[in-house]
């Protein structure tokens, strides 16, 4: 309580900077947590691993394609996949809002699922335009992804 009073005594501009820093810190820690968690789940779930590989392949093709039409189609595919997950996240938020009065704190589970879907949507559209990687790096990764997808399809 004493710390909160000290923060409230600070000038408004510093309070805003502190709030922005805390939001950024929470965002980055959640992003890293979901990245590690999704890699763990992808190792043990073939369908999710296939989905992650397809997103990464589309992103790599979008970065290397010299043809504007191919690049546009890959970016559009990434956006489409991201929007499908974002819509699922919005549905879970609506479900949580509707069941808040009926289930009370249990509706927080729906909010948790919505966060998971929003991070999956982010993963689908996370294009790296200024990553510093060369076309050779992306083409090498595309070949690795194709080989891994072939292995996943053989195991099904």
Foldseek 3Di string as FASTA:
>chain_A
DVVVVVLVPDDPVVNVVVVVVVVVVVVVVVLVVLVVVLVVVLVVDLVSVLVLLLLLLLLLCLQQDPDPVSVVVSLVVLQVVLVVLLVQLVVLVVVLVVCCVVPPPVSVVSNVSSVSSNSVSCSSNVHCNPPPDDNVVSVVSNVVSVVVSVVSVVVD
